[in-house]
Amino acid sequence: MTPRRRRPAILLRLAVVLAVLAGIVLTALGPATLTGLLPYFTIQSNVAVGVLAGYAAWCALRGRPEPPSVLKGAVTLYITITGTVYHLVLANPASPFAMAQPDRQPGEWWGNQFLHTVVPLLAIADWALFDRPPASADPPAPVRPASREPTGSG
């Protein structure tokens, strides 16, 4: 990673870590306990994003190689699934699978927004802005216009 891109990458990744921590803590302040939250895919995918973002920030800070693109892509896919399912299926009143949204305390509401909206958007931004394809990836072949010469005698 170039020095010019290193600082924004570190700041974005630290924002991801803070958003994950804030989301989990605020959610755990409600009726659910931290151990009661662990079985949920939302929590698992957010923890995976937080750990990977923390590690990637540490790598960028130390000038070390980035985490493998395949790992970053997988974790980004998991958190994208979390946000998409929440917004299109669970929180969408038009969905037959919509869950009744209980009256939440402001902290719980914010925690829910961090885990289902803020973290997925930050993770997608990190993936889009700072992920690079592997160096061994072959560049696409150039497209050449078709030949205009006759193909046969007629």
C-alpha atoms as a PDB file:
ATOM      1  CA  MET A   1       0.000   0.000   0.000  1.00  0.00           C
ATOM      2  CA  THR A   2       1.338   3.399  -0.919  1.00  0.00           C
ATOM      3  CA  PRO A   3       2.082   5.840   1.916  1.00  0.00           C
ATOM      4  CA  ARG A   4      -0.545   8.212   0.510  1.00  0.00           C
ATOM      5  CA  ARG A   5      -3.296   5.566   0.882  1.00  0.00           C
ATOM      6  CA  ARG A   6      -2.017   4.168   4.172  1.00  0.00           C
ATOM      7  CA  ARG A   7      -3.395   6.861   6.487  1.00  0.00           C
ATOM      8  CA  PRO A   8      -6.971   6.867   5.089  1.00  0.00           C
ATOM      9  CA  ALA A   9      -6.957   3.051   5.209  1.00  0.00           C
ATOM     10  CA  ILE A  10      -5.876   3.027   8.852  1.00  0.00           C
ATOM     11  CA  LEU A  11      -8.504   5.629   9.797  1.00  0.00           C
ATOM     12  CA  LEU A  12     -11.311   3.793   7.987  1.00  0.00           C
ATOM     13  CA  ARG A  13     -10.333   0.463   9.521  1.00  0.00           C
ATOM     14  CA  LEU A  14     -10.188   1.956  13.000  1.00  0.00           C
ATOM     15  CA  ALA A  15     -13.654   3.414  12.374  1.00  0.00           C
ATOM     16  CA  VAL A  16     -14.832  -0.112  11.504  1.00  0.00           C
ATOM     17  CA  VAL A  17     -13.383  -1.504  14.749  1.00  0.00           C
ATOM     18  CA  LEU A  18     -14.995   1.277  16.806  1.00  0.00           C
ATOM     19  CA  ALA A  19     -18.357   0.813  15.062  1.00  0.00           C
ATOM     20  CA  VAL A  20     -18.292  -2.932  15.755  1.00  0.00           C
ATOM     21  CA  LEU A  21     -17.427  -2.383  19.416  1.00  0.00           C
ATOM     22  CA  ALA A  22     -20.068   0.322  19.805  1.00  0.00           C
ATOM     23  CA  GLY A  23     -22.716  -1.814  18.123  1.00  0.00           C
ATOM     24  CA  ILE A  24     -22.045  -4.873  20.245  1.00  0.00           C
ATOM     25  CA  VAL A  25     -21.788  -2.949  23.522  1.00  0.00           C
ATOM     26  CA  LEU A  26     -24.928  -0.905  22.858  1.00  0.00           C
ATOM     27  CA  THR A  27     -26.857  -4.024  21.862  1.00  0.00           C
ATOM     28  CA  ALA A  28     -25.648  -5.935  24.926  1.00  0.00           C
ATOM     29  CA  LEU A  29     -26.888  -3.115  27.190  1.00  0.00           C
ATOM     30  CA  GLY A  30     -30.458  -4.127  26.317  1.00  0.00           C
ATOM     31  CA  PRO A  31     -32.197  -7.269  27.525  1.00  0.00           C
ATOM     32  CA  ALA A  32     -29.731  -9.535  25.690  1.00  0.00           C
ATOM     33  CA  THR A  33     -26.458 -10.533  27.315  1.00  0.00           C
ATOM     34  CA  LEU A  34     -23.170 -10.703  25.465  1.00  0.00           C
ATOM     35  CA  THR A  35     -23.116 -14.515  25.607  1.00  0.00           C
ATOM     36  CA  GLY A  36     -26.753 -14.578  24.474  1.00  0.00           C
ATOM     37  CA  LEU A  37     -25.794 -12.571  21.385  1.00  0.00           C
ATOM     38  CA  LEU A  38     -22.879 -14.772  20.253  1.00  0.00           C
ATOM     39  CA  PRO A  39     -24.967 -17.368  18.354  1.00  0.00           C
ATOM     40  CA  TYR A  40     -26.354 -14.719  15.989  1.00  0.00           C
ATOM     41  CA  PHE A  41     -24.826 -14.389  12.515  1.00  0.00           C
ATOM     42  CA  THR A  42     -25.039 -10.602  12.903  1.00  0.00           C
ATOM     43  CA  ILE A  43     -22.659 -10.688  15.860  1.00  0.00           C
ATOM     44  CA  GLN A  44     -20.379 -13.310  14.314  1.00  0.00           C
ATOM     45  CA  SER A  45     -20.029 -11.408  11.039  1.00  0.00           C
ATOM     46  CA  ASN A  46     -19.449  -8.107  12.861  1.00  0.00           C
ATOM     47  CA  VAL A  47     -16.771  -9.678  15.081  1.00  0.00           C
ATOM     48  CA  ALA A  48     -15.086 -11.140  11.992  1.00  0.00           C
ATOM     49  CA  VAL A  49     -15.114  -7.714  10.305  1.00  0.00           C
ATOM     50  CA  GLY A  50     -13.820  -6.005  13.459  1.00  0.00           C
ATOM     51  CA  VAL A  51     -10.957  -8.466  13.930  1.00  0.00           C
ATOM     52  CA  LEU A  52      -9.969  -8.333  10.261  1.00  0.00           C
ATOM     53  CA  ALA A  53     -10.189  -4.526  10.154  1.00  0.00           C
ATOM     54  CA  GLY A  54      -8.046  -4.278  13.294  1.00  0.00           C
ATOM     55  CA  TYR A  55      -5.469  -6.638  11.818  1.00  0.00           C
ATOM     56  CA  ALA A  56      -5.499  -4.800   8.472  1.00  0.00           C
ATOM     57  CA  ALA A  57      -5.034  -1.451  10.260  1.00  0.00           C
ATOM     58  CA  TRP A  58      -2.098  -2.913  12.196  1.00  0.00           C
ATOM     59  CA  CYS A  59      -0.575  -4.254   8.940  1.00  0.00           C
ATOM     60  CA  ALA A  60      -0.954  -0.861   7.258  1.00  0.00           C
ATOM     61  CA  LEU A  61       0.527   0.922  10.263  1.00  0.00           C
ATOM     62  CA  ARG A  62       3.565  -1.379  10.263  1.00  0.00           C
ATOM     63  CA  GLY A  63       3.951  -1.399   6.475  1.00  0.00           C
ATOM     64  CA  ARG A  64       3.290  -5.134   6.313  1.00  0.00           C
ATOM     65  CA  PRO A  65       1.412  -6.953   3.544  1.00  0.00           C
ATOM     66  CA  GLU A  66      -2.363  -6.672   3.570  1.00  0.00           C
ATOM     67  CA  PRO A  67      -4.477  -9.641   4.686  1.00  0.00           C
ATOM     68  CA  PRO A  68      -5.259 -12.032   1.822  1.00  0.00           C
ATOM     69  CA  SER A  69      -7.831 -10.642  -0.605  1.00  0.00           C
ATOM     70  CA  VAL A  70      -9.837 -13.860  -0.474  1.00  0.00           C
ATOM     71  CA  LEU A  71     -10.212 -13.525   3.317  1.00  0.00           C
ATOM     72  CA  LYS A  72     -11.162  -9.867   3.070  1.00  0.00           C
ATOM     73  CA  GLY A  73     -13.636 -10.666   0.296  1.00  0.00           C
ATOM     74  CA  ALA A  74     -15.235 -13.469   2.324  1.00  0.00           C
ATOM     75  CA  VAL A  75     -15.650 -11.317   5.434  1.00  0.00           C
ATOM     76  CA  THR A  76     -17.026  -8.457   3.332  1.00  0.00           C
ATOM     77  CA  LEU A  77     -19.531 -10.870   1.799  1.00  0.00           C
ATOM     78  CA  TYR A  78     -20.642 -12.055   5.266  1.00  0.00           C
ATOM     79  CA  ILE A  79     -21.263  -8.542   6.555  1.00  0.00           C
ATOM     80  CA  THR A  80     -22.981  -7.572   3.294  1.00  0.00           C
ATOM     81  CA  ILE A  81     -25.338 -10.519   3.767  1.00  0.00           C
ATOM     82  CA  THR A  82     -26.015  -9.315   7.317  1.00  0.00           C
ATOM     83  CA  GLY A  83     -26.989  -5.832   6.185  1.00  0.00           C
ATOM     84  CA  THR A  84     -28.934  -6.966   3.138  1.00  0.00           C
ATOM     85  CA  VAL A  85     -31.010  -9.590   4.946  1.00  0.00           C
ATOM     86  CA  TYR A  86     -31.762  -7.188   7.767  1.00  0.00           C
ATOM     87  CA  HIS A  87     -32.898  -4.306   5.568  1.00  0.00           C
ATOM     88  CA  LEU A  88     -34.659  -6.234   2.796  1.00  0.00           C
ATOM     89  CA  VAL A  89     -36.161  -9.095   4.790  1.00  0.00           C
ATOM     90  CA  LEU A  90     -36.260  -8.591   8.552  1.00  0.00           C
ATOM     91  CA  ALA A  91     -36.837  -4.843   8.927  1.00  0.00           C
ATOM     92  CA  ASN A  92     -38.911  -4.388   5.774  1.00  0.00           C
ATOM     93  CA  PRO A  93     -42.630  -4.212   6.648  1.00  0.00           C
ATOM     94  CA  ALA A  94     -43.518  -5.416   3.136  1.00  0.00           C
ATOM     95  CA  SER A  95     -41.593  -8.661   3.647  1.00  0.00           C
ATOM     96  CA  PRO A  96     -43.552 -11.711   4.804  1.00  0.00           C
ATOM     97  CA  PHE A  97     -40.591 -12.470   7.089  1.00  0.00           C
ATOM     98  CA  ALA A  98     -40.508  -9.041   8.722  1.00  0.00           C
ATOM     99  CA  MET A  99     -39.925  -9.135  12.438  1.00  0.00           C
ATOM    100  CA  ALA A 100     -41.922  -6.963  14.759  1.00  0.00           C
ATOM    101  CA  GLN A 101     -39.650  -4.101  15.755  1.00  0.00           C
ATOM    102  CA  PRO A 102     -39.931  -3.862  19.530  1.00  0.00           C
ATOM    103  CA  ASP A 103     -39.826  -0.566  21.339  1.00  0.00           C
ATOM    104  CA  ARG A 104     -36.118  -0.199  21.835  1.00  0.00           C
ATOM    105  CA  GLN A 105     -34.190   2.070  24.097  1.00  0.00           C
ATOM    106  CA  PRO A 106     -32.077   4.607  22.163  1.00  0.00           C
ATOM    107  CA  GLY A 107     -28.867   2.686  22.927  1.00  0.00           C
ATOM    108  CA  GLU A 108     -30.273  -0.552  21.577  1.00  0.00           C
ATOM    109  CA  TRP A 109     -31.572   1.219  18.481  1.00  0.00           C
ATOM    110  CA  TRP A 110     -28.155   2.753  17.805  1.00  0.00           C
ATOM    111  CA  GLY A 111     -26.432  -0.579  18.426  1.00  0.00           C
ATOM    112  CA  ASN A 112     -28.759  -2.212  15.917  1.00  0.00           C
ATOM    113  CA  GLN A 113     -27.991   0.486  13.340  1.00  0.00           C
ATOM    114  CA  PHE A 114     -24.242   0.123  13.866  1.00  0.00           C
ATOM    115  CA  LEU A 115     -24.370  -3.660  13.420  1.00  0.00           C
ATOM    116  CA  HIS A 116     -26.750  -3.760  10.446  1.00  0.00           C
ATOM    117  CA  THR A 117     -26.042  -0.514   8.570  1.00  0.00           C
ATOM    118  CA  VAL A 118     -22.875   1.358   9.561  1.00  0.00           C
ATOM    119  CA  VAL A 119     -20.461  -1.590   9.771  1.00  0.00           C
ATOM    120  CA  PRO A 120     -21.606  -3.174   6.476  1.00  0.00           C
ATOM    121  CA  LEU A 121     -21.257   0.158   4.642  1.00  0.00           C
ATOM    122  CA  LEU A 122     -17.808   0.827   6.141  1.00  0.00           C
ATOM    123  CA  ALA A 123     -16.648  -2.713   5.287  1.00  0.00           C
ATOM    124  CA  ILE A 124     -17.826  -2.379   1.697  1.00  0.00           C
ATOM    125  CA  ALA A 125     -16.076   1.003   1.451  1.00  0.00           C
ATOM    126  CA  ASP A 126     -12.834  -0.504   2.781  1.00  0.00           C
ATOM    127  CA  TRP A 127     -13.050  -3.391   0.327  1.00  0.00           C
ATOM    128  CA  ALA A 128     -13.843  -1.100  -2.618  1.00  0.00           C
ATOM    129  CA  LEU A 129     -11.215   1.527  -1.807  1.00  0.00           C
ATOM    130  CA  PHE A 130      -8.269  -0.438  -0.473  1.00  0.00           C
ATOM    131  CA  ASP A 131      -8.472  -4.030  -1.673  1.00  0.00           C
ATOM    132  CA  ARG A 132      -6.307  -5.001  -4.603  1.00  0.00           C
ATOM    133  CA  PRO A 133      -6.491  -8.116  -6.756  1.00  0.00           C
ATOM    134  CA  PRO A 134      -3.610 -10.545  -6.248  1.00  0.00           C
ATOM    135  CA  ALA A 135      -0.428  -9.658  -8.118  1.00  0.00           C
ATOM    136  CA  SER A 136      -0.594 -12.972  -9.991  1.00  0.00           C
ATOM    137  CA  ALA A 137      -3.932 -12.076 -11.577  1.00  0.00           C
ATOM    138  CA  ASP A 138      -3.579 -11.816 -15.330  1.00  0.00           C
ATOM    139  CA  PRO A 139      -4.712  -8.506 -16.806  1.00  0.00           C
ATOM    140  CA  PRO A 140      -7.584  -8.776 -19.262  1.00  0.00           C
ATOM    141  CA  ALA A 141      -6.617  -9.237 -22.894  1.00  0.00           C
ATOM    142  CA  PRO A 142      -6.986  -6.100 -25.013  1.00  0.00           C
ATOM    143  CA  VAL A 143     -10.028  -6.019 -27.263  1.00  0.00           C
ATOM    144  CA  ARG A 144      -9.110  -5.664 -30.909  1.00  0.00           C
ATOM    145  CA  PRO A 145     -11.505  -4.548 -33.608  1.00  0.00           C
ATOM    146  CA  ALA A 146     -12.591  -7.201 -36.084  1.00  0.00           C
ATOM    147  CA  SER A 147     -10.765  -7.391 -39.365  1.00  0.00           C
ATOM    148  CA  ARG A 148     -12.503  -5.691 -42.298  1.00  0.00           C
ATOM    149  CA  GLU A 149     -10.854  -7.824 -44.956  1.00  0.00           C
ATOM    150  CA  PRO A 150     -12.969 -10.190 -47.058  1.00  0.00           C
ATOM    151  CA  THR A 151     -13.005 -13.708 -45.704  1.00  0.00           C
ATOM    152  CA  GLY A 152     -13.424 -15.691 -48.884  1.00  0.00           C
ATOM    153  CA  SER A 153     -13.509 -15.535 -52.647  1.00  0.00           C
ATOM    154  CA  GLY A 154     -16.857 -15.099 -54.117  1.00  0.00           C
END
